[in-house]
PDB file of N, CA and C in Angstrom:
ATOM      1  N   MET A   1     142.293   7.010  52.418  1.00  0.00           N
ATOM      2  CA  MET A   1     142.506   5.824  51.844  1.00  0.00           C
ATOM      3  C   MET A   1     141.628   5.468  50.634  1.00  0.00           C
ATOM      4  N   SER A   2     140.491   6.120  50.549  1.00  0.00           N
ATOM      5  CA  SER A   2     139.591   5.912  49.478  1.00  0.00           C
ATOM      6  C   SER A   2     140.075   6.246  48.139  1.00  0.00           C
ATOM      7  N   GLY A   3     141.120   6.987  48.053  1.00  0.00           N
ATOM      8  CA  GLY A   3     141.770   7.333  46.734  1.00  0.00           C
ATOM      9  C   GLY A   3     142.861   6.391  46.273  1.00  0.00           C
ATOM     10  N   TRP A   4     143.311   5.567  47.093  1.00  0.00           N
ATOM     11  CA  TRP A   4     144.294   4.598  46.787  1.00  0.00           C
ATOM     12  C   TRP A   4     143.946   3.561  45.642  1.00  0.00           C
ATOM     13  N   ARG A   5     142.889   3.013  45.786  1.00  0.00           N
ATOM     14  CA  ARG A   5     142.524   1.929  44.682  1.00  0.00           C
ATOM     15  C   ARG A   5     142.303   2.619  43.364  1.00  0.00           C
ATOM     16  N   PRO A   6     141.664   3.728  43.189  1.00  0.00           N
ATOM     17  CA  PRO A   6     141.555   4.374  41.850  1.00  0.00           C
ATOM     18  C   PRO A   6     142.894   4.732  41.301  1.00  0.00           C
ATOM     19  N   LEU A   7     143.780   5.242  42.198  1.00  0.00           N
ATOM     20  CA  LEU A   7     145.131   5.588  41.740  1.00  0.00           C
ATOM     21  C   LEU A   7     145.919   4.449  41.251  1.00  0.00           C
ATOM     22  N   PHE A   8     145.751   3.315  42.079  1.00  0.00           N
ATOM     23  CA  PHE A   8     146.420   2.022  41.566  1.00  0.00           C
ATOM     24  C   PHE A   8     145.858   1.568  40.298  1.00  0.00           C
ATOM     25  N   GLU A   9     144.580   1.664  40.098  1.00  0.00           N
ATOM     26  CA  GLU A   9     143.860   1.226  38.853  1.00  0.00           C
ATOM     27  C   GLU A   9     144.456   1.962  37.692  1.00  0.00           C
ATOM     28  N   GLN A  10     144.787   3.172  37.846  1.00  0.00           N
ATOM     29  CA  GLN A  10     145.330   3.985  36.701  1.00  0.00           C
ATOM     30  C   GLN A  10     146.679   3.503  36.308  1.00  0.00           C
ATOM     31  N   ALA A  11     147.465   3.049  37.338  1.00  0.00           N
ATOM     32  CA  ALA A  11     148.830   2.710  37.048  1.00  0.00           C
ATOM     33  C   ALA A  11     149.143   1.177  36.965  1.00  0.00           C
ATOM     34  N   ALA A  12     148.105   0.368  37.277  1.00  0.00           N
ATOM     35  CA  ALA A  12     148.264  -1.048  37.500  1.00  0.00           C
ATOM     36  C   ALA A  12     148.966  -1.757  36.119  1.00  0.00           C
ATOM     37  N   ALA A  13     148.375  -1.199  34.992  1.00  0.00           N
ATOM     38  CA  ALA A  13     148.843  -1.922  33.776  1.00  0.00           C
ATOM     39  C   ALA A  13     150.399  -1.764  33.529  1.00  0.00           C
ATOM     40  N   ARG A  14     151.030  -0.834  34.204  1.00  0.00           N
ATOM     41  CA  ARG A  14     152.420  -0.602  33.989  1.00  0.00           C
ATOM     42  C   ARG A  14     153.244  -0.913  35.247  1.00  0.00           C
ATOM     43  N   ALA A  15     152.574  -1.340  36.318  1.00  0.00           N
ATOM     44  CA  ALA A  15     153.347  -1.497  37.552  1.00  0.00           C
ATOM     45  C   ALA A  15     154.413  -2.562  37.394  1.00  0.00           C
ATOM     46  N   ASP A  16     154.111  -3.628  36.622  1.00  0.00           N
ATOM     47  CA  ASP A  16     155.112  -4.792  36.373  1.00  0.00           C
ATOM     48  C   ASP A  16     156.354  -4.326  35.626  1.00  0.00           C
ATOM     49  N   GLU A  17     156.192  -3.128  35.017  1.00  0.00           N
ATOM     50  CA  GLU A  17     157.348  -2.680  34.110  1.00  0.00           C
ATOM     51  C   GLU A  17     158.453  -2.101  35.176  1.00  0.00           C
ATOM     52  N   SER A  18     158.044  -1.787  36.434  1.00  0.00           N
ATOM     53  CA  SER A  18     158.988  -1.315  37.413  1.00  0.00           C
ATOM     54  C   SER A  18     159.609  -2.576  38.169  1.00  0.00           C
ATOM     55  N   ALA A  19     158.683  -3.429  38.500  1.00  0.00           N
ATOM     56  CA  ALA A  19     159.212  -4.641  39.227  1.00  0.00           C
ATOM     57  C   ALA A  19     158.217  -5.790  38.965  1.00  0.00           C
ATOM     58  N   THR A  20     158.746  -6.940  38.635  1.00  0.00           N
ATOM     59  CA  THR A  20     157.862  -8.106  38.277  1.00  0.00           C
ATOM     60  C   THR A  20     157.018  -8.393  39.463  1.00  0.00           C
ATOM     61  N   GLY A  21     155.739  -8.578  39.287  1.00  0.00           N
ATOM     62  CA  GLY A  21     154.865  -8.915  40.428  1.00  0.00           C
ATOM     63  C   GLY A  21     154.358  -7.708  41.212  1.00  0.00           C
ATOM     64  N   LEU A  22     154.802  -6.514  40.892  1.00  0.00           N
ATOM     65  CA  LEU A  22     154.374  -5.346  41.644  1.00  0.00           C
ATOM     66  C   LEU A  22     152.864  -5.129  41.677  1.00  0.00           C
ATOM     67  N   ALA A  23     152.313  -5.275  40.526  1.00  0.00           N
ATOM     68  CA  ALA A  23     150.833  -5.014  40.382  1.00  0.00           C
ATOM     69  C   ALA A  23     150.055  -5.988  41.404  1.00  0.00           C
ATOM     70  N   ALA A  24     150.432  -7.291  41.371  1.00  0.00           N
ATOM     71  CA  ALA A  24     149.763  -8.294  42.203  1.00  0.00           C
ATOM     72  C   ALA A  24     150.035  -7.949  43.695  1.00  0.00           C
ATOM     73  N   PHE A  25     151.255  -7.570  44.036  1.00  0.00           N
ATOM     74  CA  PHE A  25     151.558  -7.229  45.451  1.00  0.00           C
ATOM     75  C   PHE A  25     150.733  -5.963  45.943  1.00  0.00           C
ATOM     76  N   ILE A  26     150.588  -4.940  45.048  1.00  0.00           N
ATOM     77  CA  ILE A  26     149.872  -3.747  45.441  1.00  0.00           C
ATOM     78  C   ILE A  26     148.442  -4.126  45.614  1.00  0.00           C
ATOM     79  N   ALA A  27     147.881  -4.847  44.637  1.00  0.00           N
ATOM     80  CA  ALA A  27     146.436  -5.284  44.761  1.00  0.00           C
ATOM     81  C   ALA A  27     146.193  -6.096  46.048  1.00  0.00           C
ATOM     82  N   ALA A  28     147.099  -6.971  46.409  1.00  0.00           N
ATOM     83  CA  ALA A  28     146.928  -7.816  47.599  1.00  0.00           C
ATOM     84  C   ALA A  28     147.009  -6.842  48.832  1.00  0.00           C
ATOM     85  N   GLU A  29     147.890  -5.908  48.906  1.00  0.00           N
ATOM     86  CA  GLU A  29     147.947  -4.913  50.020  1.00  0.00           C
ATOM     87  C   GLU A  29     146.780  -4.111  50.150  1.00  0.00           C
ATOM     88  N   LEU A  30     146.204  -3.652  49.016  1.00  0.00           N
ATOM     89  CA  LEU A  30     144.982  -2.804  49.078  1.00  0.00           C
ATOM     90  C   LEU A  30     143.840  -3.670  49.565  1.00  0.00           C
ATOM     91  N   ASP A  31     143.669  -4.910  49.152  1.00  0.00           N
ATOM     92  CA  ASP A  31     142.657  -5.883  49.580  1.00  0.00           C
ATOM     93  C   ASP A  31     142.836  -5.970  51.159  1.00  0.00           C
ATOM     94  N   HIS A  32     144.028  -6.164  51.659  1.00  0.00           N
ATOM     95  CA  HIS A  32     144.242  -6.262  53.069  1.00  0.00           C
ATOM     96  C   HIS A  32     143.825  -5.014  53.808  1.00  0.00           C
ATOM     97  N   LEU A  33     144.269  -3.894  53.357  1.00  0.00           N
ATOM     98  CA  LEU A  33     143.889  -2.575  53.941  1.00  0.00           C
ATOM     99  C   LEU A  33     142.364  -2.340  53.917  1.00  0.00           C
ATOM    100  N   GLU A  34     141.764  -2.574  52.883  1.00  0.00           N
ATOM    101  CA  GLU A  34     140.339  -2.364  52.657  1.00  0.00           C
ATOM    102  C   GLU A  34     139.583  -3.439  53.518  1.00  0.00           C
ATOM    103  N   GLY A  35     140.160  -4.465  53.933  1.00  0.00           N
ATOM    104  CA  GLY A  35     139.411  -5.510  54.678  1.00  0.00           C
ATOM    105  C   GLY A  35     139.203  -5.087  56.133  1.00  0.00           C
ATOM    106  N   GLY A  36     139.668  -3.944  56.473  1.00  0.00           N
ATOM    107  CA  GLY A  36     139.360  -3.516  57.873  1.00  0.00           C
ATOM    108  C   GLY A  36     140.450  -3.764  58.779  1.00  0.00           C
ATOM    109  N   ILE A  37     141.605  -4.342  58.386  1.00  0.00           N
ATOM    110  CA  ILE A  37     142.734  -4.506  59.281  1.00  0.00           C
ATOM    111  C   ILE A  37     143.396  -3.216  59.716  1.00  0.00           C
ATOM    112  N   TRP A  38     143.410  -2.284  58.933  1.00  0.00           N
ATOM    113  CA  TRP A  38     144.047  -1.052  59.195  1.00  0.00           C
ATOM    114  C   TRP A  38     143.085  -0.076  59.843  1.00  0.00           C
ATOM    115  N   ARG A  39     143.560   0.678  60.716  1.00  0.00           N
ATOM    116  CA  ARG A  39     142.759   1.741  61.537  1.00  0.00           C
ATOM    117  C   ARG A  39     141.618   1.198  62.417  1.00  0.00           C
ATOM    118  N   ASN A  40     141.667   0.009  62.749  1.00  0.00           N
ATOM    119  CA  ASN A  40     140.623  -0.394  63.635  1.00  0.00           C
ATOM    120  C   ASN A  40     140.814   0.201  65.001  1.00  0.00           C
ATOM    121  N   ASN A  41     139.826   0.909  65.532  1.00  0.00           N
ATOM    122  CA  ASN A  41     139.573   1.475  66.730  1.00  0.00           C
ATOM    123  C   ASN A  41     140.674   2.560  67.081  1.00  0.00           C
ATOM    124  N   LEU A  42     141.204   3.123  66.028  1.00  0.00           N
ATOM    125  CA  LEU A  42     142.160   4.203  66.306  1.00  0.00           C
ATOM    126  C   LEU A  42     141.515   5.599  66.570  1.00  0.00           C
ATOM    127  N   PRO A  43     141.956   6.474  67.420  1.00  0.00           N
ATOM    128  CA  PRO A  43     141.379   7.692  67.733  1.00  0.00           C
ATOM    129  C   PRO A  43     141.455   8.626  66.437  1.00  0.00           C
ATOM    130  N   LEU A  44     140.476   9.418  66.228  1.00  0.00           N
ATOM    131  CA  LEU A  44     140.439  10.483  65.239  1.00  0.00           C
ATOM    132  C   LEU A  44     140.558  11.848  65.791  1.00  0.00           C
ATOM    133  N   GLY A  45     141.395  12.663  65.184  1.00  0.00           N
ATOM    134  CA  GLY A  45     141.597  14.041  65.679  1.00  0.00           C
ATOM    135  C   GLY A  45     142.567  14.758  64.767  1.00  0.00           C
ATOM    136  N   VAL A  46     142.844  16.095  65.172  1.00  0.00           N
ATOM    137  CA  VAL A  46     143.637  16.908  64.469  1.00  0.00           C
ATOM    138  C   VAL A  46     145.158  16.424  64.661  1.00  0.00           C
ATOM    139  N   ILE A  47     145.802  16.198  63.522  1.00  0.00           N
ATOM    140  CA  ILE A  47     147.215  15.952  63.622  1.00  0.00           C
ATOM    141  C   ILE A  47     148.012  16.805  62.867  1.00  0.00           C
ATOM    142  N   HIS A  48     149.352  16.878  63.210  1.00  0.00           N
ATOM    143  CA  HIS A  48     150.339  17.748  62.421  1.00  0.00           C
ATOM    144  C   HIS A  48     150.564  17.320  61.012  1.00  0.00           C
ATOM    145  N   ALA A  49     150.750  15.939  60.867  1.00  0.00           N
ATOM    146  CA  ALA A  49     150.948  15.334  59.565  1.00  0.00           C
ATOM    147  C   ALA A  49     152.243  15.650  58.849  1.00  0.00           C
ATOM    148  N   ASP A  50     153.189  16.328  59.480  1.00  0.00           N
ATOM    149  CA  ASP A  50     154.513  16.582  58.867  1.00  0.00           C
ATOM    150  C   ASP A  50     155.491  16.746  59.928  1.00  0.00           C
ATOM    151  N   LEU A  51     155.447  15.856  60.943  1.00  0.00           N
ATOM    152  CA  LEU A  51     156.456  15.979  62.045  1.00  0.00           C
ATOM    153  C   LEU A  51     157.727  15.189  61.699  1.00  0.00           C
ATOM    154  N   PHE A  52     158.881  15.968  61.633  1.00  0.00           N
ATOM    155  CA  PHE A  52     160.119  15.367  61.481  1.00  0.00           C
ATOM    156  C   PHE A  52     161.123  16.394  62.146  1.00  0.00           C
ATOM    157  N   PRO A  53     162.389  16.026  62.337  1.00  0.00           N
ATOM    158  CA  PRO A  53     163.333  16.841  63.165  1.00  0.00           C
ATOM    159  C   PRO A  53     163.369  18.310  62.869  1.00  0.00           C
ATOM    160  N   ASP A  54     163.195  18.704  61.499  1.00  0.00           N
ATOM    161  CA  ASP A  54     163.235  20.131  61.229  1.00  0.00           C
ATOM    162  C   ASP A  54     162.055  20.985  61.740  1.00  0.00           C
ATOM    163  N   ASN A  55     160.990  20.275  62.144  1.00  0.00           N
ATOM    164  CA  ASN A  55     159.781  20.949  62.603  1.00  0.00           C
ATOM    165  C   ASN A  55     159.524  20.825  64.094  1.00  0.00           C
ATOM    166  N   VAL A  56     160.501  20.197  64.845  1.00  0.00           N
ATOM    167  CA  VAL A  56     160.400  20.105  66.335  1.00  0.00           C
ATOM    168  C   VAL A  56     161.617  20.684  66.969  1.00  0.00           C
ATOM    169  N   PHE A  57     161.336  21.460  67.979  1.00  0.00           N
ATOM    170  CA  PHE A  57     162.475  22.138  68.641  1.00  0.00           C
ATOM    171  C   PHE A  57     162.528  21.697  70.090  1.00  0.00           C
ATOM    172  N   PHE A  58     163.714  21.546  70.724  1.00  0.00           N
ATOM    173  CA  PHE A  58     163.979  21.141  71.978  1.00  0.00           C
ATOM    174  C   PHE A  58     164.859  22.090  72.720  1.00  0.00           C
ATOM    175  N   LEU A  59     164.700  22.292  74.026  1.00  0.00           N
ATOM    176  CA  LEU A  59     165.671  22.924  74.844  1.00  0.00           C
ATOM    177  C   LEU A  59     166.140  21.920  75.821  1.00  0.00           C
ATOM    178  N   GLY A  60     167.329  21.408  75.543  1.00  0.00           N
ATOM    179  CA  GLY A  60     167.881  20.284  76.313  1.00  0.00           C
ATOM    180  C   GLY A  60     166.983  19.078  76.063  1.00  0.00           C
ATOM    181  N   GLU A  61     166.341  18.439  77.064  1.00  0.00           N
ATOM    182  CA  GLU A  61     165.451  17.217  76.793  1.00  0.00           C
ATOM    183  C   GLU A  61     164.002  17.588  76.764  1.00  0.00           C
ATOM    184  N   ARG A  62     163.767  18.875  76.792  1.00  0.00           N
ATOM    185  CA  ARG A  62     162.346  19.402  76.887  1.00  0.00           C
ATOM    186  C   ARG A  62     161.832  19.931  75.523  1.00  0.00           C
ATOM    187  N   LEU A  63     160.664  19.537  75.121  1.00  0.00           N
ATOM    188  CA  LEU A  63     160.042  20.082  73.872  1.00  0.00           C
ATOM    189  C   LEU A  63     159.743  21.555  74.083  1.00  0.00           C
ATOM    190  N   SER A  64     160.203  22.408  73.175  1.00  0.00           N
ATOM    191  CA  SER A  64     160.073  23.796  73.285  1.00  0.00           C
ATOM    192  C   SER A  64     159.231  24.388  72.166  1.00  0.00           C
ATOM    193  N   GLY A  65     158.991  23.650  71.055  1.00  0.00           N
ATOM    194  CA  GLY A  65     158.173  24.187  70.064  1.00  0.00           C
ATOM    195  C   GLY A  65     157.994  23.311  68.806  1.00  0.00           C
ATOM    196  N   ILE A  66     156.889  23.439  68.140  1.00  0.00           N
ATOM    197  CA  ILE A  66     156.532  22.740  66.947  1.00  0.00           C
ATOM    198  C   ILE A  66     156.145  23.743  65.844  1.00  0.00           C
ATOM    199  N   ILE A  67     156.642  23.632  64.676  1.00  0.00           N
ATOM    200  CA  ILE A  67     156.234  24.639  63.629  1.00  0.00           C
ATOM    201  C   ILE A  67     155.811  23.824  62.375  1.00  0.00           C
ATOM    202  N   ASP A  68     155.338  24.708  61.328  1.00  0.00           N
ATOM    203  CA  ASP A  68     155.042  24.086  60.043  1.00  0.00           C
ATOM    204  C   ASP A  68     153.765  23.211  60.132  1.00  0.00           C
ATOM    205  N   PHE A  69     152.622  23.907  60.288  1.00  0.00           N
ATOM    206  CA  PHE A  69     151.371  23.147  60.352  1.00  0.00           C
ATOM    207  C   PHE A  69     150.537  23.148  58.982  1.00  0.00           C
ATOM    208  N   THR A  70     151.299  23.308  57.874  1.00  0.00           N
ATOM    209  CA  THR A  70     150.699  23.381  56.550  1.00  0.00           C
ATOM    210  C   THR A  70     149.910  22.094  56.259  1.00  0.00           C
ATOM    211  N   PHE A  71     150.325  21.013  56.758  1.00  0.00           N
ATOM    212  CA  PHE A  71     149.584  19.716  56.361  1.00  0.00           C
ATOM    213  C   PHE A  71     148.726  19.261  57.547  1.00  0.00           C
ATOM    214  N   ALA A  72     148.547  20.142  58.521  1.00  0.00           N
ATOM    215  CA  ALA A  72     147.566  19.608  59.627  1.00  0.00           C
ATOM    216  C   ALA A  72     146.209  19.361  59.065  1.00  0.00           C
ATOM    217  N   CYS A  73     145.639  18.311  59.623  1.00  0.00           N
ATOM    218  CA  CYS A  73     144.329  17.858  59.137  1.00  0.00           C
ATOM    219  C   CYS A  73     143.654  16.929  60.221  1.00  0.00           C
ATOM    220  N   ASN A  74     142.449  16.495  59.949  1.00  0.00           N
ATOM    221  CA  ASN A  74     141.690  15.472  60.841  1.00  0.00           C
ATOM    222  C   ASN A  74     142.144  14.179  60.209  1.00  0.00           C
ATOM    223  N   GLU A  75     142.600  13.319  61.090  1.00  0.00           N
ATOM    224  CA  GLU A  75     143.072  12.021  60.580  1.00  0.00           C
ATOM    225  C   GLU A  75     143.105  11.098  61.830  1.00  0.00           C
ATOM    226  N   HIS A  76     143.380   9.797  61.575  1.00  0.00           N
ATOM    227  CA  HIS A  76     143.444   8.869  62.655  1.00  0.00           C
ATOM    228  C   HIS A  76     144.703   9.052  63.272  1.00  0.00           C
ATOM    229  N   ALA A  77     144.734   9.435  64.556  1.00  0.00           N
ATOM    230  CA  ALA A  77     145.881   9.852  65.410  1.00  0.00           C
ATOM    231  C   ALA A  77     146.819   8.818  65.612  1.00  0.00           C
ATOM    232  N   GLY A  78     146.406   7.522  65.517  1.00  0.00           N
ATOM    233  CA  GLY A  78     147.390   6.452  65.815  1.00  0.00           C
ATOM    234  C   GLY A  78     148.382   6.080  64.607  1.00  0.00           C
ATOM    235  N   LEU A  79     148.305   6.855  63.535  1.00  0.00           N
ATOM    236  CA  LEU A  79     149.119   6.363  62.413  1.00  0.00           C
ATOM    237  C   LEU A  79     150.451   6.975  62.746  1.00  0.00           C
TER     238      LEU A  79
END
């Protein structure tokens, strides 16, 4: 999350060209997230980070495999 504010600051001057009020909306959301509302008390651990139907296999109702760990990383596991 530490990279979001600098990325926004690079694009903020042009954000309202895409949608009126977008810069203010993004700034308020970043303030909210940086205020500690997000990720409070979530567990940290290794996550897959790219789970979607093409990467998960089932045999009937039973999980049989997970592939494509390219984006695996340490992150808050509750996201």
